[in-house]
């Protein structure tokens, strides 16, 4: 078992995902969660194509950033993308994002815990119509205590999936 200092909150957020243009990875040496945007990956592709030195097998990122006019704020993102490329499968692994079936399953499980019969019925109808996620959240807007309980419930289920995933990769969070 590998013991890593993992920021569980960041890892749970990465699992929750929700952004098609961002991929998440974990550094197996540090436990760091790394996010890579499609934009950063696109810039990295340009850098690799134009600034890769075959003899040294290196990329002159600083020169590339200057020549390609990469803004300062984006340089770190591109460097993170490069770090992921360099270590993928060895020291870097992809963090899976939750799929919609897991989210739907979470809503069904939560409904089973709702004591108010009227609310339970409204939530069941909400998830059985088109746009179940939005409908579910809309119903809960009128029930602030249950809405808070839903967010806690969902977070706990995500945390459970995260811990399972870590165990599959022989990682013990510290």
C-alpha atoms as a PDB file:
ATOM      1  CA  UNK A   1       0.000   0.000   0.000  1.00  0.00           C
ATOM      2  CA  UNK A   2       1.240   3.448  -0.944  1.00  0.00           C
ATOM      3  CA  UNK A   3       0.576   6.170   1.652  1.00  0.00           C
ATOM      4  CA  UNK A   4      -0.102   9.558   0.071  1.00  0.00           C
ATOM      5  CA  UNK A   5      -1.050  12.937   1.420  1.00  0.00           C
ATOM      6  CA  UNK A   6      -4.280  13.312  -0.571  1.00  0.00           C
ATOM      7  CA  UNK A   7      -6.524  16.356  -0.420  1.00  0.00           C
ATOM      8  CA  UNK A   8      -9.778  14.405  -0.275  1.00  0.00           C
ATOM      9  CA  UNK A   9     -11.865  17.479  -1.005  1.00  0.00           C
ATOM     10  CA  UNK A  10      -9.978  18.122  -4.263  1.00  0.00           C
ATOM     11  CA  UNK A  11     -10.163  14.459  -5.194  1.00  0.00           C
ATOM     12  CA  UNK A  12     -13.914  14.302  -4.546  1.00  0.00           C
ATOM     13  CA  UNK A  13     -14.387  17.439  -6.646  1.00  0.00           C
ATOM     14  CA  UNK A  14     -12.362  15.831  -9.453  1.00  0.00           C
ATOM     15  CA  UNK A  15     -14.517  12.692  -9.275  1.00  0.00           C
ATOM     16  CA  UNK A  16     -17.629  14.813  -9.450  1.00  0.00           C
ATOM     17  CA  UNK A  17     -16.191  16.434 -12.577  1.00  0.00           C
ATOM     18  CA  UNK A  18     -18.881  18.091 -14.563  1.00  0.00           C
ATOM     19  CA  UNK A  19     -16.614  19.835 -17.046  1.00  0.00           C
ATOM     20  CA  UNK A  20     -16.148  18.280 -20.458  1.00  0.00           C
ATOM     21  CA  UNK A  21     -13.117  20.475 -21.140  1.00  0.00           C
ATOM     22  CA  UNK A  22     -11.135  19.482 -18.021  1.00  0.00           C
ATOM     23  CA  UNK A  23      -9.502  16.140 -17.225  1.00  0.00           C
ATOM     24  CA  UNK A  24      -8.188  15.261 -13.784  1.00  0.00           C
ATOM     25  CA  UNK A  25      -5.143  13.226 -12.826  1.00  0.00           C
ATOM     26  CA  UNK A  26      -3.349  12.129  -9.667  1.00  0.00           C
ATOM     27  CA  UNK A  27       0.374  12.283  -9.092  1.00  0.00           C
ATOM     28  CA  UNK A  28       1.260   8.949  -7.473  1.00  0.00           C
ATOM     29  CA  UNK A  29       4.350  10.409  -5.839  1.00  0.00           C
ATOM     30  CA  UNK A  30       2.762  13.443  -4.191  1.00  0.00           C
ATOM     31  CA  UNK A  31      -0.975  12.699  -4.097  1.00  0.00           C
ATOM     32  CA  UNK A  32      -1.624  15.979  -5.905  1.00  0.00           C
ATOM     33  CA  UNK A  33      -4.738  16.317  -8.040  1.00  0.00           C
ATOM     34  CA  UNK A  34      -3.806  17.894 -11.379  1.00  0.00           C
ATOM     35  CA  UNK A  35      -6.355  19.431 -13.712  1.00  0.00           C
ATOM     36  CA  UNK A  36      -5.630  19.715 -17.417  1.00  0.00           C
ATOM     37  CA  UNK A  37      -7.793  21.852 -19.666  1.00  0.00           C
ATOM     38  CA  UNK A  38      -8.319  21.214 -23.357  1.00  0.00           C
ATOM     39  CA  UNK A  39      -6.793  24.646 -24.040  1.00  0.00           C
ATOM     40  CA  UNK A  40      -3.615  23.776 -22.126  1.00  0.00           C
ATOM     41  CA  UNK A  41      -3.397  20.448 -23.937  1.00  0.00           C
ATOM     42  CA  UNK A  42      -3.798  22.253 -27.291  1.00  0.00           C
ATOM     43  CA  UNK A  43      -0.990  24.680 -26.476  1.00  0.00           C
ATOM     44  CA  UNK A  44       1.159  21.754 -25.356  1.00  0.00           C
ATOM     45  CA  UNK A  45       0.595  20.036 -28.714  1.00  0.00           C
ATOM     46  CA  UNK A  46       1.826  23.178 -30.502  1.00  0.00           C
ATOM     47  CA  UNK A  47       4.843  23.359 -28.192  1.00  0.00           C
ATOM     48  CA  UNK A  48       5.695  19.677 -28.786  1.00  0.00           C
ATOM     49  CA  UNK A  49       5.366  20.000 -32.565  1.00  0.00           C
ATOM     50  CA  UNK A  50       7.399  23.170 -32.870  1.00  0.00           C
ATOM     51  CA  UNK A  51       9.886  23.148 -29.985  1.00  0.00           C
ATOM     52  CA  UNK A  52      10.818  19.514 -29.371  1.00  0.00           C
ATOM     53  CA  UNK A  53      14.563  18.911 -29.683  1.00  0.00           C
ATOM     54  CA  UNK A  54      15.132  15.420 -31.126  1.00  0.00           C
ATOM     55  CA  UNK A  55      18.765  15.268 -29.945  1.00  0.00           C
ATOM     56  CA  UNK A  56      18.125  16.095 -26.292  1.00  0.00           C
ATOM     57  CA  UNK A  57      14.572  14.730 -26.221  1.00  0.00           C
ATOM     58  CA  UNK A  58      13.470  17.922 -24.435  1.00  0.00           C
ATOM     59  CA  UNK A  59      11.177  20.860 -25.038  1.00  0.00           C
ATOM     60  CA  UNK A  60      12.231  24.436 -24.466  1.00  0.00           C
ATOM     61  CA  UNK A  61       8.988  25.551 -22.820  1.00  0.00           C
ATOM     62  CA  UNK A  62      10.160  29.020 -21.880  1.00  0.00           C
ATOM     63  CA  UNK A  63      11.196  29.810 -25.454  1.00  0.00           C
ATOM     64  CA  UNK A  64       7.944  28.305 -26.733  1.00  0.00           C
ATOM     65  CA  UNK A  65       5.885  30.377 -24.286  1.00  0.00           C
ATOM     66  CA  UNK A  66       7.574  33.568 -25.417  1.00  0.00           C
ATOM     67  CA  UNK A  67       7.341  32.803 -29.131  1.00  0.00           C
ATOM     68  CA  UNK A  68       3.735  31.569 -28.936  1.00  0.00           C
ATOM     69  CA  UNK A  69       2.730  34.460 -26.670  1.00  0.00           C
ATOM     70  CA  UNK A  70       1.314  32.199 -23.935  1.00  0.00           C
ATOM     71  CA  UNK A  71      -0.018  34.373 -21.090  1.00  0.00           C
ATOM     72  CA  UNK A  72       1.643  33.982 -17.682  1.00  0.00           C
ATOM     73  CA  UNK A  73      -1.527  32.598 -16.083  1.00  0.00           C
ATOM     74  CA  UNK A  74      -1.698  29.801 -18.656  1.00  0.00           C
ATOM     75  CA  UNK A  75       1.942  28.736 -18.482  1.00  0.00           C
ATOM     76  CA  UNK A  76       1.503  26.743 -15.270  1.00  0.00           C
ATOM     77  CA  UNK A  77      -1.490  24.959 -16.772  1.00  0.00           C
ATOM     78  CA  UNK A  78       0.579  23.971 -19.806  1.00  0.00           C
ATOM     79  CA  UNK A  79       3.428  22.826 -17.556  1.00  0.00           C
ATOM     80  CA  UNK A  80       0.940  20.668 -15.635  1.00  0.00           C
ATOM     81  CA  UNK A  81      -0.271  19.187 -18.929  1.00  0.00           C
ATOM     82  CA  UNK A  82       3.360  18.443 -19.821  1.00  0.00           C
ATOM     83  CA  UNK A  83       3.923  16.797 -16.440  1.00  0.00           C
ATOM     84  CA  UNK A  84       0.867  14.599 -17.019  1.00  0.00           C
ATOM     85  CA  UNK A  85       2.075  13.644 -20.514  1.00  0.00           C
ATOM     86  CA  UNK A  86       5.533  12.780 -19.228  1.00  0.00           C
ATOM     87  CA  UNK A  87       4.360  10.665 -16.297  1.00  0.00           C
ATOM     88  CA  UNK A  88       1.094   9.198 -17.540  1.00  0.00           C
ATOM     89  CA  UNK A  89       0.755   5.542 -16.608  1.00  0.00           C
ATOM     90  CA  UNK A  90       3.905   5.605 -14.486  1.00  0.00           C
ATOM     91  CA  UNK A  91       3.649   8.357 -11.862  1.00  0.00           C
ATOM     92  CA  UNK A  92       0.384   9.901 -13.085  1.00  0.00           C
ATOM     93  CA  UNK A  93      -3.016   8.212 -13.372  1.00  0.00           C
ATOM     94  CA  UNK A  94      -6.347   9.490 -14.668  1.00  0.00           C
ATOM     95  CA  UNK A  95      -9.070  10.205 -12.158  1.00  0.00           C
ATOM     96  CA  UNK A  96     -12.400   8.905 -13.415  1.00  0.00           C
ATOM     97  CA  UNK A  97     -15.343  11.251 -13.400  1.00  0.00           C
ATOM     98  CA  UNK A  98     -18.713  10.206 -12.112  1.00  0.00           C
ATOM     99  CA  UNK A  99     -21.038   9.054 -14.836  1.00  0.00           C
ATOM    100  CA  UNK A 100     -24.698   9.964 -14.983  1.00  0.00           C
ATOM    101  CA  UNK A 101     -25.845   6.492 -13.911  1.00  0.00           C
ATOM    102  CA  UNK A 102     -24.019   6.912 -10.587  1.00  0.00           C
ATOM    103  CA  UNK A 103     -25.596  10.322 -10.097  1.00  0.00           C
ATOM    104  CA  UNK A 104     -29.027   8.905 -10.916  1.00  0.00           C
ATOM    105  CA  UNK A 105     -28.432   6.029  -8.500  1.00  0.00           C
ATOM    106  CA  UNK A 106     -27.521   8.553  -5.797  1.00  0.00           C
ATOM    107  CA  UNK A 107     -30.810  10.380  -6.332  1.00  0.00           C
ATOM    108  CA  UNK A 108     -32.773   7.123  -6.102  1.00  0.00           C
ATOM    109  CA  UNK A 109     -30.973   6.145  -2.906  1.00  0.00           C
ATOM    110  CA  UNK A 110     -31.600   9.579  -1.399  1.00  0.00           C
ATOM    111  CA  UNK A 111     -35.316   9.399  -2.201  1.00  0.00           C
ATOM    112  CA  UNK A 112     -35.466   6.167  -0.178  1.00  0.00           C
ATOM    113  CA  UNK A 113     -34.307   8.155   2.888  1.00  0.00           C
ATOM    114  CA  UNK A 114     -36.902  10.949   2.552  1.00  0.00           C
ATOM    115  CA  UNK A 115     -39.543  10.729   5.283  1.00  0.00           C
ATOM    116  CA  UNK A 116     -41.969  13.315   3.911  1.00  0.00           C
ATOM    117  CA  UNK A 117     -44.306  11.307   1.615  1.00  0.00           C
ATOM    118  CA  UNK A 118     -45.234  14.345  -0.497  1.00  0.00           C
ATOM    119  CA  UNK A 119     -41.591  15.260  -1.094  1.00  0.00           C
ATOM    120  CA  UNK A 120     -40.666  11.645  -1.796  1.00  0.00           C
ATOM    121  CA  UNK A 121     -43.440  11.451  -4.430  1.00  0.00           C
ATOM    122  CA  UNK A 122     -42.385  14.757  -6.030  1.00  0.00           C
ATOM    123  CA  UNK A 123     -38.746  13.610  -6.209  1.00  0.00           C
ATOM    124  CA  UNK A 124     -39.721  10.271  -7.742  1.00  0.00           C
ATOM    125  CA  UNK A 125     -41.740  12.061 -10.419  1.00  0.00           C
ATOM    126  CA  UNK A 126     -38.875  14.512 -10.984  1.00  0.00           C
ATOM    127  CA  UNK A 127     -36.327  11.809 -11.792  1.00  0.00           C
ATOM    128  CA  UNK A 128     -38.717   9.944 -14.076  1.00  0.00           C
ATOM    129  CA  UNK A 129     -39.163  12.871 -16.448  1.00  0.00           C
ATOM    130  CA  UNK A 130     -36.875  14.401 -19.013  1.00  0.00           C
ATOM    131  CA  UNK A 131     -34.047  16.324 -17.305  1.00  0.00           C
ATOM    132  CA  UNK A 132     -34.065  14.333 -14.052  1.00  0.00           C
ATOM    133  CA  UNK A 133     -31.050  16.071 -12.478  1.00  0.00           C
ATOM    134  CA  UNK A 134     -32.416  19.570 -12.972  1.00  0.00           C
ATOM    135  CA  UNK A 135     -35.917  18.501 -11.919  1.00  0.00           C
ATOM    136  CA  UNK A 136     -34.569  16.867  -8.764  1.00  0.00           C
ATOM    137  CA  UNK A 137     -32.656  20.007  -7.761  1.00  0.00           C
ATOM    138  CA  UNK A 138     -35.649  22.211  -8.569  1.00  0.00           C
ATOM    139  CA  UNK A 139     -37.912  20.210  -6.262  1.00  0.00           C
ATOM    140  CA  UNK A 140     -35.353  20.424  -3.450  1.00  0.00           C
ATOM    141  CA  UNK A 141     -35.224  24.231  -3.745  1.00  0.00           C
ATOM    142  CA  UNK A 142     -38.493  24.350  -1.832  1.00  0.00           C
ATOM    143  CA  UNK A 143     -37.081  22.180   0.962  1.00  0.00           C
ATOM    144  CA  UNK A 144     -33.864  23.806   2.206  1.00  0.00           C
ATOM    145  CA  UNK A 145     -33.209  21.283   5.013  1.00  0.00           C
ATOM    146  CA  UNK A 146     -33.656  18.338   2.665  1.00  0.00           C
ATOM    147  CA  UNK A 147     -31.564  20.123   0.053  1.00  0.00           C
ATOM    148  CA  UNK A 148     -28.702  20.447   2.564  1.00  0.00           C
ATOM    149  CA  UNK A 149     -29.164  16.799   3.516  1.00  0.00           C
ATOM    150  CA  UNK A 150     -29.013  15.874  -0.193  1.00  0.00           C
ATOM    151  CA  UNK A 151     -25.683  17.638  -0.686  1.00  0.00           C
ATOM    152  CA  UNK A 152     -24.250  15.874   2.382  1.00  0.00           C
ATOM    153  CA  UNK A 153     -25.657  12.525   1.215  1.00  0.00           C
ATOM    154  CA  UNK A 154     -24.217  12.956  -2.282  1.00  0.00           C
ATOM    155  CA  UNK A 155     -20.826  14.028  -0.902  1.00  0.00           C
ATOM    156  CA  UNK A 156     -20.654  10.953   1.335  1.00  0.00           C
ATOM    157  CA  UNK A 157     -21.454   8.637  -1.580  1.00  0.00           C
ATOM    158  CA  UNK A 158     -18.813  10.323  -3.727  1.00  0.00           C
ATOM    159  CA  UNK A 159     -16.300   9.996  -0.899  1.00  0.00           C
ATOM    160  CA  UNK A 160     -17.094   6.301  -0.655  1.00  0.00           C
ATOM    161  CA  UNK A 161     -16.440   5.858  -4.406  1.00  0.00           C
ATOM    162  CA  UNK A 162     -13.204   7.833  -4.094  1.00  0.00           C
ATOM    163  CA  UNK A 163     -11.982   5.641  -1.223  1.00  0.00           C
ATOM    164  CA  UNK A 164     -12.869   2.542  -3.249  1.00  0.00           C
ATOM    165  CA  UNK A 165     -10.910   3.893  -6.226  1.00  0.00           C
ATOM    166  CA  UNK A 166      -7.904   4.687  -4.033  1.00  0.00           C
ATOM    167  CA  UNK A 167      -8.003   1.161  -2.628  1.00  0.00           C
ATOM    168  CA  UNK A 168      -8.108  -0.283  -6.171  1.00  0.00           C
ATOM    169  CA  UNK A 169      -4.859   1.597  -6.808  1.00  0.00           C
ATOM    170  CA  UNK A 170      -3.298   0.492  -3.496  1.00  0.00           C
ATOM    171  CA  UNK A 171      -3.313   4.041  -2.146  1.00  0.00           C
ATOM    172  CA  UNK A 172      -3.981   4.877   1.481  1.00  0.00           C
ATOM    173  CA  UNK A 173      -4.836   8.541   1.958  1.00  0.00           C
ATOM    174  CA  UNK A 174      -3.186  10.359   4.836  1.00  0.00           C
END
